Amino acid sequence: MPENTSQALVIVDAEDNYYVLPREVVETAKAAPEARAAIEAHLRDTAHVPLAGGYSFAGVLRLTPESEMAHYTPEALWPAPTTS
């Protein structure tokens, strides 16, 4: 394998569609440290399942359309949830 390769996360949905997410794409969705508690609150029965390449599966978020975390942002890091 060439030395100048990069990693990609490959996921498969229930309909057997493949999604290839290069590490650079995954990094754009990195959550801010301040958002960790809110993310963990949305995960149910979280148990990190080790995957290849240093990744772990933590769970699936179920978010309402109004949730601040439900919307993609082109900026790196998810925003920390705000409280009113």
Protein backbone atom coordinates (compact mmCIF):
# COMPACT_ATOMS: atom_id res chain seq x y z
CA MET A 1 0.00 0.00 0.00
CA PRO A 2 1.42 3.46 -0.85
CA GLU A 3 2.65 5.54 2.07
CA ASN A 4 0.68 8.63 1.04
CA THR A 5 -2.75 7.14 1.70
CA SER A 6 -5.45 8.58 3.95
CA GLN A 7 -8.19 6.96 5.98
CA ALA A 8 -11.91 6.91 5.26
CA LEU A 9 -14.73 5.76 7.48
CA VAL A 10 -17.14 3.46 5.63
CA ILE A 11 -20.63 2.97 6.98
CA VAL A 12 -23.48 0.88 5.60
CA ASP A 13 -27.16 1.63 6.09
CA ALA A 14 -30.06 -0.79 6.45
CA GLU A 15 -30.58 -0.82 2.66
CA ASP A 16 -26.94 -1.88 2.08
CA ASN A 17 -25.85 1.53 0.74
CA TYR A 18 -22.21 2.37 1.42
CA TYR A 19 -21.04 5.80 2.57
CA VAL A 20 -17.33 6.63 2.36
CA LEU A 21 -16.32 9.51 4.61
CA PRO A 22 -12.68 10.57 4.34
CA ARG A 23 -11.07 11.46 7.68
CA GLU A 24 -11.04 15.12 6.61
CA VAL A 25 -14.83 15.03 6.21
CA VAL A 26 -15.29 13.31 9.56
CA GLU A 27 -13.09 15.95 11.20
CA THR A 28 -15.45 18.73 10.02
CA ALA A 29 -18.16 17.20 12.21
CA LYS A 30 -15.98 17.00 15.33
CA ALA A 31 -17.99 18.06 18.35
CA ALA A 32 -16.76 20.84 20.58
CA PRO A 33 -15.70 19.59 24.03
CA GLU A 34 -18.50 21.70 25.54
CA ALA A 35 -21.07 19.68 23.57
CA ARG A 36 -20.00 16.30 24.98
CA ALA A 37 -22.54 16.22 27.83
CA ALA A 38 -25.41 17.12 25.50
CA ILE A 39 -24.37 14.46 23.00
CA GLU A 40 -24.07 11.82 25.70
CA ALA A 41 -27.52 12.82 26.99
CA HIS A 42 -28.97 12.08 23.54
CA LEU A 43 -27.24 8.69 23.27
CA ARG A 44 -29.00 5.76 24.86
CA ASP A 45 -27.02 2.95 26.46
CA THR A 46 -23.76 4.15 25.00
CA ALA A 47 -20.98 1.62 24.81
CA HIS A 48 -17.97 2.39 22.65
CA VAL A 49 -17.54 -0.42 20.15
CA PRO A 50 -14.00 -0.39 18.73
CA LEU A 51 -13.74 -0.07 14.96
CA ALA A 52 -10.72 0.01 12.68
CA GLY A 53 -8.41 2.98 12.33
CA GLY A 54 -8.81 4.31 15.86
CA TYR A 55 -12.56 4.94 15.57
CA SER A 56 -15.22 3.67 17.97
CA PHE A 57 -18.97 3.51 17.46
CA ALA A 58 -20.77 5.32 20.27
CA GLY A 59 -24.37 5.15 19.09
CA VAL A 60 -26.97 6.86 16.95
CA LEU A 61 -28.30 10.27 17.89
CA ARG A 62 -32.03 10.78 17.63
CA LEU A 63 -32.52 14.51 17.27
CA THR A 64 -35.59 16.63 16.83
CA PRO A 65 -35.55 18.93 13.78
CA GLU A 66 -35.28 21.89 16.16
CA SER A 67 -32.16 20.53 17.83
CA GLU A 68 -29.07 22.67 17.36
CA MET A 69 -27.06 19.50 16.69
CA ALA A 70 -29.41 18.35 13.90
CA HIS A 71 -28.07 20.84 11.38
CA TYR A 72 -24.84 20.54 9.47
CA THR A 73 -22.45 23.43 9.61
CA PRO A 74 -19.54 23.86 7.20
CA GLU A 75 -17.43 25.12 10.08
CA ALA A 76 -15.31 22.69 12.05
CA LEU A 77 -16.70 21.64 15.43
CA TRP A 78 -20.32 21.34 16.34
CA PRO A 79 -21.55 24.26 18.37
CA ALA A 80 -22.01 23.67 22.04
CA PRO A 81 -25.73 23.59 22.83
CA THR A 82 -27.02 26.80 24.28
CA THR A 83 -29.45 27.05 27.14
CA SER A 84 -31.97 29.80 27.57
